């Protein structure tokens, strides 16, 4: 049983009947309501003290509506202390008008995300307009969540290096090929990324990169160990990635497996992983 508090740095909440989410069209398992009551049921008995809401890739026209709705959830549940909203950063400096509108949400707004994982252009992370948009974020006090595939890491390193004043949070360990049991070049690229001081990494989304039905903890361990080694105890954050995690495991099982893999760490390091780093990084 986990003996330290949890600050979940990566929670999704949605109802497909509220906002258009095309990526759910062919996924019957996820194409249903997953909101605060369902999250409470999924985490029952666990010491979840706070959470960060992550944008859920609604159709862009709903982006501001989603962020406003997320702020309403923060009012409903005092544990929702942070929001990472969608923003069209590839529009460069023009994105400032969108960020101005987002800023009206107030204190819960901690960062933005614009998914890169589905982009087919390998140079998308280093497009000049995207870099210009990323460089706007420090003036708004916002970080950027990076959601990429492992094969996009090389260009992402260039992106982070080109924006030294911007704070970056890498989601899901850059989605390594766990199912294929591939460590390289992911391992080398992640170590290079970790050398940059303006990026931290979420230990999240790993089970859904493995064989959904047949994964084992032993398959995950090399990836978790490497992230802990290269980022160190002060730059890793626990993320539940609920409800996407339920494609491969219950929330409870993911917590149990990660707890077993990190149980050897000193109590201080475990508190940082499970709670303290998320509080610091997202300024909760």
Protein backbone atom coordinates (compact mmCIF):
# COMPACT_ATOMS: atom_id res chain seq x y z
CA UNK A 1 0.00 0.00 0.00
CA UNK A 2 1.37 3.38 -1.03
CA UNK A 3 2.58 5.23 2.07
CA UNK A 4 3.12 8.69 0.53
CA UNK A 5 0.56 11.17 -0.85
CA UNK A 6 -0.30 11.36 -4.55
CA UNK A 7 -0.44 14.49 -6.65
CA UNK A 8 -1.55 13.18 -10.02
CA UNK A 9 0.13 15.34 -12.67
CA UNK A 10 -1.87 13.91 -15.58
CA UNK A 11 -5.64 13.46 -15.34
CA UNK A 12 -8.15 13.61 -18.19
CA UNK A 13 -11.84 14.24 -17.66
CA UNK A 14 -14.38 14.14 -20.45
CA UNK A 15 -17.85 13.44 -21.71
CA UNK A 16 -18.00 12.81 -25.49
CA UNK A 17 -21.49 14.29 -25.48
CA UNK A 18 -20.12 17.69 -24.38
CA UNK A 19 -17.24 18.40 -26.75
CA UNK A 20 -16.29 16.88 -30.10
CA UNK A 21 -13.40 14.43 -29.75
CA UNK A 22 -12.88 12.66 -33.11
CA UNK A 23 -10.07 10.46 -31.80
CA UNK A 24 -12.62 8.59 -29.68
CA UNK A 25 -14.89 7.71 -32.60
CA UNK A 26 -13.48 4.22 -33.03
CA UNK A 27 -12.71 3.52 -29.38
CA UNK A 28 -15.80 2.14 -27.64
CA UNK A 29 -13.92 1.63 -24.37
CA UNK A 30 -13.00 5.30 -23.98
CA UNK A 31 -16.02 6.78 -25.75
CA UNK A 32 -17.99 7.26 -22.55
CA UNK A 33 -18.19 9.63 -19.62
CA UNK A 34 -15.07 9.87 -17.44
CA UNK A 35 -15.53 12.74 -15.02
CA UNK A 36 -14.91 13.50 -11.36
CA UNK A 37 -17.27 10.85 -9.92
CA UNK A 38 -15.70 8.17 -12.10
CA UNK A 39 -12.19 9.32 -11.14
CA UNK A 40 -13.16 9.14 -7.47
CA UNK A 41 -14.33 5.57 -7.95
CA UNK A 42 -11.18 4.59 -9.86
CA UNK A 43 -8.90 6.01 -7.14
CA UNK A 44 -10.88 4.92 -4.11
CA UNK A 45 -8.62 4.16 -1.15
CA UNK A 46 -5.60 5.93 -2.67
CA UNK A 47 -4.17 9.10 -1.07
CA UNK A 48 -4.81 11.44 -4.01
CA UNK A 49 -4.42 14.93 -2.58
CA UNK A 50 -4.36 16.95 -5.80
CA UNK A 51 -4.48 16.60 -9.56
CA UNK A 52 -3.64 18.43 -12.78
CA UNK A 53 -6.18 18.38 -15.61
CA UNK A 54 -4.69 17.80 -19.07
CA UNK A 55 -6.44 18.88 -22.26
CA UNK A 56 -8.12 16.02 -24.09
CA UNK A 57 -7.63 16.92 -27.76
CA UNK A 58 -11.08 18.25 -28.49
CA UNK A 59 -11.73 19.79 -31.91
CA UNK A 60 -9.87 23.13 -31.79
CA UNK A 61 -13.09 25.13 -31.95
CA UNK A 62 -13.89 23.80 -28.47
CA UNK A 63 -10.48 24.63 -26.97
CA UNK A 64 -11.50 27.64 -24.90
CA UNK A 65 -14.78 26.00 -23.91
CA UNK A 66 -12.84 22.98 -22.64
CA UNK A 67 -10.51 25.15 -20.58
CA UNK A 68 -13.46 27.03 -19.07
CA UNK A 69 -15.19 23.75 -18.25
CA UNK A 70 -12.00 22.45 -16.63
CA UNK A 71 -11.95 25.54 -14.40
CA UNK A 72 -15.51 24.70 -13.36
CA UNK A 73 -14.31 21.24 -12.32
CA UNK A 74 -11.68 22.90 -10.15
CA UNK A 75 -14.49 24.71 -8.37
CA UNK A 76 -16.36 21.42 -7.88
CA UNK A 77 -13.40 19.49 -6.50
CA UNK A 78 -10.74 21.35 -4.56
CA UNK A 79 -8.16 18.74 -5.52
CA UNK A 80 -8.12 20.00 -9.13
CA UNK A 81 -5.37 22.53 -8.59
CA UNK A 82 -3.94 22.79 -12.08
CA UNK A 83 -5.09 22.97 -15.70
CA UNK A 84 -3.00 22.39 -18.83
CA UNK A 85 -5.10 23.73 -21.69
CA UNK A 86 -4.88 23.42 -25.46
CA UNK A 87 -3.26 26.25 -27.38
CA UNK A 88 -2.41 26.66 -31.12
CA UNK A 89 1.23 27.52 -30.55
CA UNK A 90 2.13 26.76 -34.16
CA UNK A 91 0.48 30.10 -35.00
CA UNK A 92 3.51 31.85 -33.56
CA UNK A 93 3.15 35.31 -32.06
CA UNK A 94 -0.51 35.43 -33.13
CA UNK A 95 -1.11 32.83 -30.41
CA UNK A 96 -0.80 35.66 -27.92
CA UNK A 97 -4.44 36.60 -28.44
CA UNK A 98 -5.48 33.04 -27.56
CA UNK A 99 -3.21 33.01 -24.51
CA UNK A 100 -4.73 36.31 -23.41
CA UNK A 101 -8.16 34.66 -23.46
CA UNK A 102 -6.87 31.60 -21.60
CA UNK A 103 -5.32 33.80 -18.93
CA UNK A 104 -8.80 34.91 -17.87
CA UNK A 105 -9.31 31.46 -16.39
CA UNK A 106 -7.10 32.56 -13.54
CA UNK A 107 -5.01 30.69 -11.00
CA UNK A 108 -5.75 27.06 -12.02
CA UNK A 109 -4.17 27.62 -15.46
CA UNK A 110 -0.61 26.31 -15.18
CA UNK A 111 0.40 25.33 -18.70
CA UNK A 112 -0.62 24.53 -22.25
CA UNK A 113 -0.27 21.61 -24.59
CA UNK A 114 -0.42 21.20 -28.33
CA UNK A 115 -0.09 17.51 -29.28
CA UNK A 116 2.91 16.76 -31.49
CA UNK A 117 2.62 12.95 -31.47
CA UNK A 118 0.26 12.83 -34.46
CA UNK A 119 2.28 15.17 -36.68
CA UNK A 120 3.81 13.49 -39.73
CA UNK A 121 6.32 16.25 -40.51
CA UNK A 122 9.50 15.23 -38.64
CA UNK A 123 10.52 18.89 -38.45
CA UNK A 124 7.27 20.04 -36.82
CA UNK A 125 8.89 20.51 -33.37
CA UNK A 126 11.37 23.01 -34.79
CA UNK A 127 9.09 25.00 -37.06
CA UNK A 128 9.92 28.70 -36.55
CA UNK A 129 6.31 29.66 -35.79
CA UNK A 130 5.97 26.93 -33.18
CA UNK A 131 9.19 28.05 -31.53
CA UNK A 132 7.88 31.63 -31.51
CA UNK A 133 4.70 30.44 -29.81
CA UNK A 134 6.65 28.48 -27.22
CA UNK A 135 8.77 31.51 -26.43
CA UNK A 136 5.64 33.47 -25.49
CA UNK A 137 4.82 31.15 -22.59
CA UNK A 138 7.23 32.48 -19.93
CA UNK A 139 5.60 35.91 -20.05
CA UNK A 140 2.29 34.23 -19.17
CA UNK A 141 3.83 32.09 -16.44
CA UNK A 142 2.91 28.93 -18.34
CA UNK A 143 4.77 25.70 -19.04
CA UNK A 144 4.43 23.45 -22.10
CA UNK A 145 3.55 19.77 -21.93
CA UNK A 146 5.35 17.80 -24.65
CA UNK A 147 3.39 14.84 -25.98
CA UNK A 148 5.47 13.02 -28.60
CA UNK A 149 6.43 9.57 -29.87
CA UNK A 150 9.90 8.19 -29.20
CA UNK A 151 10.90 8.72 -32.83
CA UNK A 152 10.29 12.48 -32.43
CA UNK A 153 12.77 12.88 -29.59
CA UNK A 154 15.72 14.08 -31.66
CA UNK A 155 13.86 17.10 -33.03
CA UNK A 156 12.23 17.69 -29.64
CA UNK A 157 15.68 18.06 -28.08
CA UNK A 158 16.35 20.84 -30.60
CA UNK A 159 12.99 22.41 -29.72
CA UNK A 160 13.71 22.51 -26.01
CA UNK A 161 17.23 23.78 -26.57
CA UNK A 162 15.90 26.59 -28.76
CA UNK A 163 13.56 27.81 -25.99
CA UNK A 164 15.78 27.95 -22.88
CA UNK A 165 13.43 30.28 -20.97
CA UNK A 166 10.39 28.02 -21.46
CA UNK A 167 9.59 25.31 -18.92
CA UNK A 168 8.83 21.93 -20.52
CA UNK A 169 7.13 18.84 -19.11
CA UNK A 170 7.66 15.63 -21.09
CA UNK A 171 4.57 13.42 -21.04
CA UNK A 172 4.64 9.62 -20.95
CA UNK A 173 8.43 9.21 -21.17
CA UNK A 174 8.12 10.19 -24.87
CA UNK A 175 6.11 7.02 -25.52
CA UNK A 176 8.91 4.46 -25.92
CA UNK A 177 8.34 1.25 -27.87
CA UNK A 178 7.66 -0.96 -24.87
CA UNK A 179 5.68 -3.46 -26.91
CA UNK A 180 8.65 -3.96 -29.23
CA UNK A 181 11.09 -4.10 -26.29
CA UNK A 182 13.19 -1.37 -27.91
CA UNK A 183 15.39 0.77 -25.70
CA UNK A 184 17.60 2.46 -28.28
CA UNK A 185 17.78 5.12 -29.54
CA UNK A 186 15.09 6.19 -27.02
CA UNK A 187 17.47 5.67 -24.11
CA UNK A 188 20.26 7.80 -25.60
CA UNK A 189 17.88 10.53 -26.74
CA UNK A 190 16.19 10.74 -23.35
CA UNK A 191 19.55 11.08 -21.61
CA UNK A 192 20.43 13.93 -23.97
CA UNK A 193 17.10 15.64 -23.32
CA UNK A 194 17.57 15.28 -19.57
CA UNK A 195 20.80 17.28 -19.81
CA UNK A 196 18.68 20.36 -20.52
CA UNK A 197 17.67 22.02 -17.23
CA UNK A 198 14.32 23.40 -18.43
CA UNK A 199 12.59 20.02 -18.87
CA UNK A 200 11.12 17.48 -16.45
CA UNK A 201 9.53 14.10 -17.16
CA UNK A 202 6.25 12.45 -16.21
CA UNK A 203 6.34 8.77 -15.31
CA UNK A 204 3.04 8.10 -16.99
CA UNK A 205 1.37 6.48 -19.98
CA UNK A 206 3.77 3.55 -20.03
CA UNK A 207 1.39 0.59 -19.85
CA UNK A 208 -0.46 1.75 -22.96
CA UNK A 209 2.79 1.61 -24.94
CA UNK A 210 3.16 -2.09 -24.06
CA UNK A 211 1.07 -5.06 -25.15
CA UNK A 212 -2.26 -3.89 -23.75
CA UNK A 213 -3.45 -7.34 -22.73
CA UNK A 214 -0.21 -9.12 -21.85
CA UNK A 215 2.28 -6.59 -20.45
CA UNK A 216 4.31 -7.40 -17.37
CA UNK A 217 6.00 -5.14 -14.81
CA UNK A 218 9.36 -6.54 -15.85
CA UNK A 219 8.87 -5.04 -19.31
CA UNK A 220 8.30 -1.59 -17.86
CA UNK A 221 11.15 -1.60 -15.38
CA UNK A 222 14.05 -0.69 -17.75
CA UNK A 223 12.18 2.39 -18.93
CA UNK A 224 11.25 3.58 -15.45
CA UNK A 225 14.77 2.96 -14.16
CA UNK A 226 16.33 4.92 -17.00
CA UNK A 227 14.07 7.92 -16.50
CA UNK A 228 14.86 8.00 -12.80
CA UNK A 229 18.57 7.74 -13.57
CA UNK A 230 18.82 10.50 -16.16
CA UNK A 231 16.31 13.00 -14.76
CA UNK A 232 17.07 12.41 -11.10
CA UNK A 233 14.76 12.54 -8.13
CA UNK A 234 13.92 16.25 -8.51
CA UNK A 235 12.65 16.12 -12.11
CA UNK A 236 10.23 13.19 -12.29
CA UNK A 237 6.47 13.37 -11.71
CA UNK A 238 3.87 10.64 -11.27
CA UNK A 239 1.04 10.72 -13.78
CA UNK A 240 -2.00 8.45 -13.79
CA UNK A 241 -3.03 9.18 -17.40
CA UNK A 242 -6.57 8.24 -16.41
CA UNK A 243 -8.75 7.15 -18.13
CA UNK A 244 -6.45 6.28 -21.06
CA UNK A 245 -4.53 3.99 -18.71
CA UNK A 246 -7.62 1.77 -18.45
CA UNK A 247 -6.92 0.45 -21.94
CA UNK A 248 -4.19 -1.64 -20.32
CA UNK A 249 -4.64 -1.49 -16.54
CA UNK A 250 -6.77 -0.10 -13.77
CA UNK A 251 -5.53 3.05 -12.08
CA UNK A 252 -4.99 0.98 -8.97
CA UNK A 253 -2.79 -1.54 -10.78
CA UNK A 254 -0.64 1.15 -12.39
CA UNK A 255 -0.06 2.73 -8.99
CA UNK A 256 0.74 -0.64 -7.44
CA UNK A 257 3.22 -1.58 -10.16
CA UNK A 258 5.02 1.77 -10.05
CA UNK A 259 5.08 1.63 -6.26
CA UNK A 260 6.75 -1.78 -6.41
CA UNK A 261 9.34 -0.53 -8.91
CA UNK A 262 10.20 2.54 -6.84
CA UNK A 263 9.79 1.11 -3.33
CA UNK A 264 13.56 0.88 -2.90
CA UNK A 265 13.96 4.66 -3.16
CA UNK A 266 14.44 6.74 -0.01
CA UNK A 267 11.22 8.16 1.40
CA UNK A 268 12.19 11.69 0.38
CA UNK A 269 12.74 10.64 -3.24
CA UNK A 270 9.43 8.77 -3.29
CA UNK A 271 7.57 11.80 -1.96
CA UNK A 272 9.11 13.88 -4.71
CA UNK A 273 8.08 11.41 -7.42
CA UNK A 274 4.53 10.90 -6.19
CA UNK A 275 3.66 14.41 -5.06
CA UNK A 276 6.22 17.09 -4.25
CA UNK A 277 7.71 17.56 -7.73
CA UNK A 278 4.28 17.98 -9.31
CA UNK A 279 3.39 20.61 -6.73
CA UNK A 280 6.59 22.51 -7.53
CA UNK A 281 6.59 22.14 -11.31
CA UNK A 282 2.95 23.12 -11.73
CA UNK A 283 3.06 25.67 -8.90
CA UNK A 284 0.07 24.12 -7.17
